[in-house]
Protein backbone atom coordinates (compact mmCIF):
# COMPACT_ATOMS: atom_id res chain seq x y z
CA UNK A 1 8.28 -29.54 -50.89
CA UNK A 2 9.40 -27.76 -47.84
CA UNK A 3 11.42 -25.26 -49.82
CA UNK A 4 8.46 -24.28 -51.88
CA UNK A 5 6.21 -24.03 -48.84
CA UNK A 6 8.81 -21.83 -47.10
CA UNK A 7 9.09 -19.54 -50.11
CA UNK A 8 5.37 -19.15 -50.35
CA UNK A 9 5.08 -18.43 -46.64
CA UNK A 10 7.72 -15.69 -46.88
CA UNK A 11 6.11 -14.21 -50.02
CA UNK A 12 2.66 -14.14 -48.30
CA UNK A 13 4.15 -12.47 -45.18
CA UNK A 14 5.92 -9.94 -47.29
CA UNK A 15 2.65 -9.02 -49.07
CA UNK A 16 0.73 -8.75 -45.79
CA UNK A 17 3.43 -6.42 -44.44
CA UNK A 18 3.27 -4.29 -47.62
CA UNK A 19 -0.49 -3.87 -47.30
CA UNK A 20 -0.18 -2.96 -43.52
CA UNK A 21 2.58 -0.48 -44.33
CA UNK A 22 0.58 1.18 -47.11
CA UNK A 23 -2.40 1.61 -44.73
CA UNK A 24 -0.31 2.96 -41.90
CA UNK A 25 1.47 5.53 -44.20
CA UNK A 26 -1.70 6.97 -45.59
CA UNK A 27 -1.74 10.65 -45.04
CA UNK A 28 -5.42 11.32 -45.88
CA UNK A 29 -7.83 12.18 -43.11
CA UNK A 30 -11.60 12.18 -43.48
CA UNK A 31 -13.85 14.54 -41.67
CA UNK A 32 -16.69 13.23 -39.52
CA UNK A 33 -20.22 13.02 -40.96
CA UNK A 34 -18.93 12.38 -44.56
CA UNK A 35 -17.18 15.70 -44.95
CA UNK A 36 -14.41 16.35 -47.52
CA UNK A 37 -11.21 14.34 -47.46
CA UNK A 38 -8.04 16.29 -46.41
CA UNK A 39 -4.48 15.47 -47.46
CA UNK A 40 -1.78 16.46 -45.02
CA UNK A 41 1.21 17.70 -47.07
CA UNK A 42 3.58 18.60 -44.19
CA UNK A 43 5.63 16.12 -42.11
CA UNK A 44 4.03 14.73 -38.99
CA UNK A 45 3.83 15.95 -36.40
CA UNK A 46 2.86 19.41 -37.77
CA UNK A 47 5.31 22.21 -36.79
CA UNK A 48 3.71 24.78 -34.43
CA UNK A 49 5.08 28.26 -34.03
CA UNK A 50 5.21 29.89 -30.61
CA UNK A 51 4.75 33.65 -30.20
CA UNK A 52 6.23 34.93 -26.84
CA UNK A 53 7.67 32.76 -24.15
CA UNK A 54 6.63 29.45 -22.67
CA UNK A 55 8.56 30.14 -19.43
CA UNK A 56 6.66 30.76 -16.14
CA UNK A 57 8.12 33.48 -13.95
CA UNK A 58 7.01 34.80 -10.61
CA UNK A 59 4.48 33.10 -8.39
CA UNK A 60 1.84 30.58 -9.54
CA UNK A 61 -1.18 30.88 -7.27
CA UNK A 62 -3.71 28.00 -6.92
CA UNK A 63 -7.09 29.00 -5.66
CA UNK A 64 -8.67 26.40 -3.31
CA UNK A 65 -12.30 26.73 -3.09
CA UNK A 66 -14.92 24.33 -1.81
CA UNK A 67 -16.18 23.74 -5.38
CA UNK A 68 -12.62 23.26 -6.83
CA UNK A 69 -10.68 21.92 -3.82
CA UNK A 70 -7.05 20.85 -4.17
CA UNK A 71 -6.42 17.87 -1.91
CA UNK A 72 -3.43 18.20 0.36
CA UNK A 73 -1.82 15.84 2.88
CA UNK A 74 0.23 17.43 5.68
CA UNK A 75 2.78 15.18 7.15
CA UNK A 76 2.97 15.18 10.97
CA UNK A 77 5.87 17.03 12.63
CA UNK A 78 8.73 14.85 13.97
CA UNK A 79 7.66 15.57 17.43
CA UNK A 80 4.19 14.08 16.74
CA UNK A 81 5.51 10.71 15.34
CA UNK A 82 4.74 7.88 17.68
CA UNK A 83 6.27 4.44 18.20
CA UNK A 84 5.84 2.10 21.19
CA UNK A 85 6.48 -1.42 22.07
CA UNK A 86 5.14 -3.75 24.81
CA UNK A 87 5.78 -7.35 25.86
CA UNK A 88 3.71 -9.97 27.59
CA UNK A 89 4.24 -13.63 28.62
CA UNK A 90 2.06 -16.83 28.21
CA UNK A 91 3.14 -17.98 31.77
CA UNK A 92 1.74 -21.50 31.20
CA UNK A 93 -1.56 -20.31 29.83
CA UNK A 94 -3.06 -19.96 26.28
CA UNK A 95 -3.18 -16.05 26.41
CA UNK A 96 -0.62 -13.25 26.44
CA UNK A 97 -1.30 -9.53 26.37
CA UNK A 98 0.39 -6.32 26.97
CA UNK A 99 -0.85 -2.66 27.22
CA UNK A 100 0.80 0.21 25.45
CA UNK A 101 1.38 3.48 27.21
CA UNK A 102 -1.63 5.76 27.87
CA UNK A 103 -2.24 8.29 25.03
CA UNK A 104 -1.65 11.87 26.37
CA UNK A 105 -4.74 13.82 27.27
CA UNK A 106 -5.78 16.24 24.54
CA UNK A 107 -4.18 14.06 21.87
CA UNK A 108 -5.43 11.39 19.53
CA UNK A 109 -3.09 8.57 18.57
CA UNK A 110 -3.43 7.48 14.87
CA UNK A 111 -1.99 4.01 14.54
CA UNK A 112 -0.80 3.17 11.07
CA UNK A 113 1.16 -0.08 11.65
CA UNK A 114 1.01 -2.88 14.17
CA UNK A 115 3.41 -5.80 14.41
CA UNK A 116 3.22 -8.84 16.61
CA UNK A 117 5.82 -11.54 17.29
CA UNK A 118 4.81 -14.63 19.26
CA UNK A 119 7.09 -17.33 20.67
CA UNK A 120 5.45 -20.44 22.27
CA UNK A 121 6.09 -24.09 22.95
CA UNK A 122 5.86 -26.36 19.89
CA UNK A 123 2.24 -27.00 18.91
CA UNK A 124 0.80 -24.08 20.93
CA UNK A 125 0.11 -21.89 17.96
CA UNK A 126 -1.75 -18.60 17.62
CA UNK A 127 -5.50 -18.82 16.89
CA UNK A 128 -5.97 -15.10 16.90
CA UNK A 129 -3.87 -11.99 17.39
CA UNK A 130 -5.30 -8.47 17.58
CA UNK A 131 -4.95 -4.92 18.92
CA UNK A 132 -7.85 -3.75 21.06
CA UNK A 133 -8.21 -0.05 20.47
CA UNK A 134 -12.04 0.43 20.38
CA UNK A 135 -12.53 -1.75 17.39
CA UNK A 136 -10.39 -4.89 17.34
CA UNK A 137 -7.70 -4.93 14.64
CA UNK A 138 -6.93 -8.54 13.74
CA UNK A 139 -3.32 -9.40 12.69
CA UNK A 140 -2.79 -12.61 10.54
CA UNK A 141 0.17 -14.52 11.99
CA UNK A 142 2.60 -16.35 9.75
CA UNK A 143 4.94 -19.15 11.07
CA UNK A 144 8.55 -18.53 10.91
CA UNK A 145 11.53 -20.82 11.20
CA UNK A 146 11.18 -22.72 14.56
CA UNK A 147 13.66 -24.46 16.74
CA UNK A 148 12.70 -28.16 16.68
CA UNK A 149 11.45 -29.22 20.12
CA UNK A 150 12.11 -25.80 21.61
CA UNK A 151 9.70 -23.04 20.31
CA UNK A 152 7.32 -22.07 17.56
CA UNK A 153 7.77 -18.54 16.26
CA UNK A 154 5.00 -16.50 14.49
CA UNK A 155 5.02 -12.98 13.18
CA UNK A 156 2.34 -10.62 11.70
CA UNK A 157 2.00 -7.06 10.51
CA UNK A 158 -0.98 -4.91 9.62
CA UNK A 159 -1.03 -1.55 8.03
CA UNK A 160 -4.21 0.58 8.30
CA UNK A 161 -5.37 3.63 10.16
CA UNK A 162 -7.16 3.36 13.54
CA UNK A 163 -7.24 5.84 16.38
CA UNK A 164 -7.13 5.90 20.11
CA UNK A 165 -8.29 8.96 22.06
CA UNK A 166 -6.17 10.62 24.77
CA UNK A 167 -6.94 10.05 28.46
CA UNK A 168 -8.34 6.47 27.95
CA UNK A 169 -6.36 3.27 28.51
CA UNK A 170 -3.58 2.53 25.99
CA UNK A 171 -4.15 0.08 23.13
CA UNK A 172 -3.94 -3.60 24.27
CA UNK A 173 -2.18 -6.30 22.26
CA UNK A 174 -3.63 -9.81 22.68
CA UNK A 175 -2.64 -13.24 21.33
CA UNK A 176 -4.50 -16.41 22.07
CA UNK A 177 -3.08 -19.88 21.42
CA UNK A 178 -4.84 -23.18 20.57
CA UNK A 179 -3.47 -24.67 23.84
CA UNK A 180 -1.47 -23.64 26.95
CA UNK A 181 2.22 -22.87 26.46
CA UNK A 182 3.48 -24.67 29.61
CA UNK A 183 7.18 -23.89 28.91
CA UNK A 184 6.57 -20.16 28.63
CA UNK A 185 7.19 -17.96 25.67
CA UNK A 186 5.50 -14.57 25.08
CA UNK A 187 4.68 -11.74 22.67
CA UNK A 188 6.36 -8.61 21.59
CA UNK A 189 4.01 -5.95 20.01
CA UNK A 190 4.97 -2.75 18.25
CA UNK A 191 2.86 0.08 16.92
CA UNK A 192 3.66 3.22 15.03
CA UNK A 193 1.76 6.22 13.97
CA UNK A 194 1.38 9.82 14.97
CA UNK A 195 -0.28 12.06 17.53
CA UNK A 196 -2.71 14.81 16.63
CA UNK A 197 -4.56 17.36 18.78
CA UNK A 198 -7.95 15.92 19.78
CA UNK A 199 -10.95 17.59 18.16
């Protein structure tokens, strides 16, 4: 019984493959709108002859006009790259903060990444962490391995572009806990980005 069923299954599969193969190898194309049938006699793809050269020599000039603009991105010079770090302690409270250096006058700081690390007594965990730079940029904190009975460790990183104008106070990093961290602990905040002339 099983032998007959297996043989019939193989025979049916073979016929299906033969029909599909026949349809795939058909070399007849039909024009749209019921036009005449065309039979392709040459191998596919059709050979194409090239007269002249396909090499580009000399300069290739791209015209960049307002109606056909070519988008470009200029990377900042190494001297314009910016990284800074600040630290702050809980000192028995539920809040730690630190202020980054003042942005130079005549410059705008574009912050692309902010990272925060928080160490606090067990159970005193972050409820919010953010960078105050005009708008507040909130950083989700994720618990890391902790030392039992000693400290809870949290880290968070956010990538996005915000700016701080020169001549104003530097960005402020703030972390609030769900209770006071009596035994101490604190935060380390890092930002990176670049400086650009103020406009």
